[in-house]
Structures are given as structure tokens and as C-alpha cells.
Amino acid sequence: MPRARLFRLAGAIMLIVAFVLPCIAFMGAAGDLLPDQDPTPEMLKEQAAADFRFGVAVAVSCALIAGGLIAFIYAYKQGQPGKVRNNT
């Protein structure tokens, strides 16, 4: 498989995972992220943990978006027609 095609595939997979990951994290913690009128200390701990997990998912998603875009740019530069490459 040519290197440009491999990087294009890896970039696409990274971008797909980057957009799905926060959605899954939000759906899993949607009930815990909503505030209650009179929360107990245990509920506050659960809300803080759910908020932290969602923040981590968003941070990982941002890193995956950056990696996917870098992979697409690299694949574009490697796969340009007419470009002379030294394959030694």
C-alpha cells in the first residue's frame, strides 16, 4: 500500500473517532452532567467524575483531530502528481 494512501486512511479513521468519541462520552454521562436542585455529596462526586471524563474525551478528540489533519496534509504532499520522489 502506498504511503500516501496509508496516511489518508489513518487520517480518516482518526477524524471519525475524534467526532464520535465526545458523543459517546456525552451520551454515557448525560444524566450525571445535569445539575440537581438538592444534590447529595455522592451525587456531586459523580457529577465531578462525569465532567472530568467528558473533558478527557474532548481533549483526546482534539488531539485526534490534529493528528488526522496532519496525516491528510502529509498524504496530500506525498501524493501530488508530477512530484519527483527519491525512493532509495
Protein backbone atom coordinates (compact mmCIF):
# COMPACT_ATOMS: atom_id res chain seq x y z
CA MET A 1 0.00 0.00 0.00
CA PRO A 2 1.49 3.38 -0.94
CA ARG A 3 2.46 5.62 1.94
CA ALA A 4 0.11 8.45 0.92
CA ARG A 5 -2.86 6.09 0.82
CA LEU A 6 -1.96 4.67 4.23
CA PHE A 7 -1.77 8.15 5.77
CA ARG A 8 -5.05 9.13 4.13
CA LEU A 9 -6.73 6.06 5.63
CA ALA A 10 -5.19 6.69 9.06
CA GLY A 11 -6.28 10.33 8.94
CA ALA A 12 -9.84 9.37 8.06
CA ILE A 13 -10.02 6.86 10.90
CA MET A 14 -8.62 9.42 13.36
CA LEU A 15 -11.17 12.04 12.31
CA ILE A 16 -14.08 9.62 12.56
CA VAL A 17 -13.04 8.51 16.04
CA ALA A 18 -12.44 12.14 17.04
CA PHE A 19 -16.01 13.11 16.21
CA VAL A 20 -17.64 10.00 17.69
CA LEU A 21 -15.71 9.91 21.00
CA PRO A 22 -17.23 13.03 22.61
CA CYS A 23 -20.71 11.95 21.51
CA ILE A 24 -20.31 8.59 23.24
CA ALA A 25 -18.89 10.25 26.35
CA PHE A 26 -21.76 12.73 26.45
CA MET A 27 -24.42 10.06 25.99
CA GLY A 28 -22.89 7.96 28.75
CA ALA A 29 -22.75 10.84 31.22
CA ALA A 30 -25.72 12.98 30.20
CA GLY A 31 -27.68 12.17 33.33
CA ASP A 32 -24.73 12.92 35.60
CA LEU A 33 -23.87 16.18 33.88
CA LEU A 34 -27.29 17.74 34.51
CA PRO A 35 -27.42 19.54 37.88
CA ASP A 36 -29.96 18.58 40.54
CA GLN A 37 -31.82 21.01 42.77
CA ASP A 38 -30.65 19.45 46.05
CA PRO A 39 -27.70 17.13 45.30
CA THR A 40 -26.16 14.86 47.88
CA PRO A 41 -22.36 14.76 48.30
CA GLU A 42 -22.26 11.43 46.44
CA MET A 43 -24.16 12.95 43.52
CA LEU A 44 -21.74 15.88 43.44
CA LYS A 45 -18.80 13.43 43.28
CA GLU A 46 -20.47 11.54 40.43
CA GLN A 47 -21.11 14.80 38.57
CA ALA A 48 -17.48 15.87 39.01
CA ALA A 49 -16.23 12.49 37.78
CA ALA A 50 -18.56 12.59 34.76
CA ASP A 51 -17.43 16.13 33.97
CA PHE A 52 -13.78 15.07 34.18
CA ARG A 53 -14.34 12.06 31.89
CA PHE A 54 -16.10 14.26 29.35
CA GLY A 55 -13.23 16.77 29.48
CA VAL A 56 -10.70 14.00 28.88
CA ALA A 57 -12.75 12.71 25.94
CA VAL A 58 -12.83 16.20 24.41
CA ALA A 59 -9.06 16.63 24.91
CA VAL A 60 -8.33 13.26 23.28
CA SER A 61 -10.71 14.20 20.47
CA CYS A 62 -8.83 17.45 19.83
CA ALA A 63 -5.54 15.56 19.68
CA LEU A 64 -7.04 13.06 17.22
CA ILE A 65 -8.37 15.89 15.03
CA ALA A 66 -4.91 17.45 14.92
CA GLY A 67 -3.31 14.11 14.11
CA GLY A 68 -5.86 13.35 11.40
CA LEU A 69 -5.37 16.73 9.75
CA ILE A 70 -1.59 16.33 9.85
CA ALA A 71 -1.95 12.87 8.26
CA PHE A 72 -4.17 14.27 5.49
CA ILE A 73 -1.73 17.10 4.78
CA TYR A 74 1.19 14.67 4.68
CA ALA A 75 -0.74 12.33 2.36
CA TYR A 76 -1.61 15.23 0.09
CA LYS A 77 2.02 16.34 -0.13
CA GLN A 78 3.23 12.79 -0.80
CA GLY A 79 0.61 12.01 -3.41
CA GLN A 80 0.87 15.11 -5.58
CA PRO A 81 1.02 14.20 -9.27
CA GLY A 82 4.19 15.18 -11.10
CA LYS A 83 6.25 15.32 -7.95
CA VAL A 84 9.57 13.57 -8.29
CA ARG A 85 10.31 11.37 -5.28
CA ASN A 86 13.56 9.66 -4.47
CA ASN A 87 12.61 6.10 -3.46
CA THR A 88 16.06 4.95 -2.49
